[in-house]
Protein backbone atom coordinates (compact mmCIF):
# COMPACT_ATOMS: atom_id res chain seq x y z
CA MET A 1 25.44 17.02 4.17
CA GLU A 2 26.01 16.14 0.55
CA VAL A 3 24.47 18.21 -2.23
CA LEU A 4 22.78 16.46 -5.13
CA TRP A 5 22.53 18.46 -8.34
CA ALA A 6 19.48 18.02 -10.56
CA PRO A 7 19.28 21.38 -12.37
CA TRP A 8 16.55 20.30 -14.79
CA ARG A 9 14.12 19.88 -11.85
CA LEU A 10 14.02 23.66 -11.26
CA ASN A 11 12.05 24.18 -14.47
CA TYR A 12 9.48 21.69 -13.21
CA ILE A 13 9.30 23.23 -9.73
CA LEU A 14 9.26 26.92 -10.65
CA GLY A 15 8.18 26.91 -14.26
CA PRO A 16 4.66 27.48 -15.44
CA LYS A 17 2.68 24.32 -15.98
CA PRO A 18 1.77 23.98 -19.66
CA GLU A 19 -1.88 24.44 -20.52
CA GLU A 20 -1.55 22.24 -23.60
CA CYS A 21 -0.90 18.52 -23.42
CA VAL A 22 2.85 17.79 -23.35
CA PHE A 23 2.20 14.57 -25.30
CA CYS A 24 0.43 16.26 -28.22
CA ILE A 25 3.50 16.93 -30.34
CA PRO A 26 3.67 18.71 -33.69
CA GLU A 27 3.93 16.69 -36.89
CA HIS A 28 7.23 18.38 -37.80
CA THR A 29 10.41 17.18 -36.13
CA ASP A 30 12.01 20.61 -35.54
CA GLU A 31 11.43 20.41 -31.77
CA ASP A 32 12.22 16.71 -31.28
CA ARG A 33 15.58 17.27 -29.54
CA GLU A 34 14.17 19.99 -27.29
CA ARG A 35 11.17 17.80 -26.39
CA CYS A 36 13.43 14.71 -26.01
CA VAL A 37 11.58 12.77 -28.74
CA LEU A 38 13.81 9.85 -29.68
CA ALA A 39 11.80 8.16 -32.44
CA ARG A 40 8.51 8.33 -34.29
CA GLY A 41 6.49 5.32 -35.34
CA ASP A 42 3.40 5.19 -37.52
CA HIS A 43 0.99 5.66 -34.62
CA CYS A 44 3.16 6.52 -31.61
CA PHE A 45 6.43 8.13 -30.58
CA ILE A 46 9.14 7.56 -27.99
CA ILE A 47 10.00 10.37 -25.62
CA MET A 48 12.32 10.62 -22.65
CA ASN A 49 10.74 11.49 -19.33
CA MET A 50 12.03 14.99 -18.51
CA PHE A 51 11.62 14.23 -14.79
CA PRO A 52 12.75 10.59 -14.75
CA TYR A 53 12.41 7.98 -12.04
CA ASN A 54 15.70 6.50 -13.21
CA ASN A 55 18.32 7.15 -15.86
CA GLY A 56 16.96 6.21 -19.31
CA HIS A 57 13.26 6.48 -18.31
CA LEU A 58 11.30 6.39 -21.59
CA MET A 59 7.66 6.71 -22.56
CA VAL A 60 5.82 5.30 -25.57
CA THR A 61 2.91 7.56 -26.39
CA PRO A 62 0.24 7.36 -29.11
CA TYR A 63 -0.03 10.47 -31.27
CA ARG A 64 -3.77 10.48 -30.76
CA HIS A 65 -4.93 12.19 -27.56
CA VAL A 66 -6.69 9.29 -25.82
CA SER A 67 -6.92 8.44 -22.13
CA ASN A 68 -7.73 4.74 -22.20
CA LEU A 69 -6.13 1.64 -23.67
CA THR A 70 -9.46 0.58 -25.16
CA ASP A 71 -9.61 3.87 -27.10
CA LEU A 72 -6.64 2.79 -29.24
CA THR A 73 -7.19 1.18 -32.60
CA ILE A 74 -5.61 -2.23 -33.16
CA GLU A 75 -2.98 -0.56 -35.36
CA GLU A 76 -2.14 2.00 -32.66
CA SER A 77 -1.98 -0.70 -29.99
CA ASN A 78 0.29 -2.90 -32.12
CA ASP A 79 2.59 0.02 -32.94
CA CYS A 80 2.90 0.91 -29.25
CA MET A 81 3.84 -2.67 -28.40
CA LEU A 82 6.38 -2.79 -31.23
CA TRP A 83 8.05 0.38 -29.90
CA ILE A 84 7.98 -0.89 -26.33
CA ARG A 85 9.98 -3.86 -27.63
CA HIS A 86 12.38 -1.51 -29.45
CA CYS A 87 12.80 0.53 -26.26
CA THR A 88 13.75 -2.63 -24.39
CA THR A 89 16.40 -3.48 -27.00
CA VAL A 90 17.81 0.07 -26.99
CA LEU A 91 17.94 0.31 -23.18
CA GLU A 92 19.67 -3.08 -22.96
CA LYS A 93 22.31 -1.95 -25.49
CA ALA A 94 22.82 1.50 -23.99
CA PHE A 95 22.69 0.81 -20.26
CA THR A 96 22.80 -2.96 -19.64
CA PRO A 97 20.16 -2.74 -16.89
CA HIS A 98 19.52 -5.66 -14.56
CA GLY A 99 15.80 -5.34 -15.22
CA ILE A 100 13.17 -3.05 -16.77
CA ASN A 101 9.87 -1.89 -15.30
CA MET A 102 7.08 -1.27 -17.83
CA GLY A 103 3.71 0.10 -16.99
CA LEU A 104 0.59 1.97 -17.92
CA ASN A 105 -1.34 3.97 -15.36
CA LEU A 106 -4.89 4.61 -16.55
CA GLY A 107 -6.57 7.44 -14.69
CA GLU A 108 -5.44 9.77 -11.94
CA ALA A 109 -6.42 7.31 -9.20
CA ALA A 110 -4.07 4.74 -10.77
CA GLY A 111 -1.15 7.18 -10.61
CA ALA A 112 -1.25 8.69 -14.09
CA GLY A 113 0.49 12.07 -13.89
CA ILE A 114 -1.08 13.08 -17.21
CA ALA A 115 -4.26 11.04 -17.25
CA GLN A 116 -5.75 12.67 -20.35
CA HIS A 117 -3.12 11.29 -22.76
CA MET A 118 -2.11 7.70 -22.03
CA HIS A 119 1.54 6.71 -22.17
CA PHE A 120 3.54 3.60 -21.39
CA GLN A 121 6.42 3.99 -18.94
CA ILE A 122 9.66 2.05 -19.52
CA VAL A 123 12.17 2.39 -16.67
CA PRO A 124 15.53 0.60 -16.62
CA ARG A 125 16.50 -0.78 -13.19
CA TRP A 126 19.71 -1.94 -11.58
CA ASN A 127 20.23 -4.05 -8.49
CA GLY A 128 20.57 -1.61 -5.61
CA ASP A 129 19.30 1.44 -7.52
CA ALA A 130 16.78 2.07 -4.75
CA SER A 131 19.56 3.17 -2.42
CA PHE A 132 19.28 4.71 1.01
CA MET A 133 18.47 8.03 -0.73
CA ALA A 134 15.24 6.69 -2.20
CA VAL A 135 14.32 4.67 0.87
CA PHE A 136 15.08 7.20 3.61
CA GLY A 137 15.43 10.52 1.85
CA GLU A 138 12.60 10.17 -0.65
CA THR A 139 15.17 11.27 -3.22
CA THR A 140 16.20 9.73 -6.49
CA VAL A 141 19.67 10.27 -7.88
CA ILE A 142 19.89 10.44 -11.67
CA PRO A 143 23.58 10.02 -12.56
CA GLU A 144 23.53 11.37 -16.10
CA HIS A 145 22.23 14.66 -17.52
CA LEU A 146 19.19 14.34 -19.79
CA SER A 147 21.01 15.72 -22.83
CA SER A 148 23.78 13.12 -22.41
CA THR A 149 21.20 10.34 -22.14
CA TYR A 150 19.47 11.68 -25.26
CA GLY A 151 22.80 11.68 -27.11
CA ARG A 152 23.43 8.09 -26.06
CA LEU A 153 19.97 6.78 -27.04
CA LYS A 154 19.13 8.76 -30.20
CA PRO A 155 21.64 6.96 -32.52
CA LEU A 156 20.31 3.57 -31.37
CA PHE A 157 16.74 4.58 -32.23
CA ASP A 158 17.97 6.03 -35.55
CA GLU A 159 19.38 2.58 -36.41
CA ILE A 160 15.90 1.10 -35.93
CA THR A 161 14.19 3.65 -38.15
CA ALA A 162 16.88 3.61 -40.86
């Protein structure tokens, strides 16, 4: 039997679940690296998923704690879409994926893991990335450590905001 290492998962499995919303981030940027925040827009920010479905899994999240798309102002909605486009450009440069899944799950019944604070999912995909591990073992293999992915993506987002 082969062993797959995903050491960051242990914090999720054993660690205490935060009482505060993980998407309500402070205005200062001191914790951005620790929280895996890659960029900040006027009305939203880009954060890496700490427990990704695939390498480079990003989320675009409004600053405002809202649970529904219709709760966003036009400005917030437009800023989210702009950053979704930027995420696509960055992922294409950094990883050359064969495709990208984008989605928004509104409400727990729709699959939202954190239904109280809406967030758009952006997941790069490659032909064959749903290998036998995902199909038969219900396991996903993430080939790169989160901090390495952060280091690869952060300069590309910095170019956008410069």
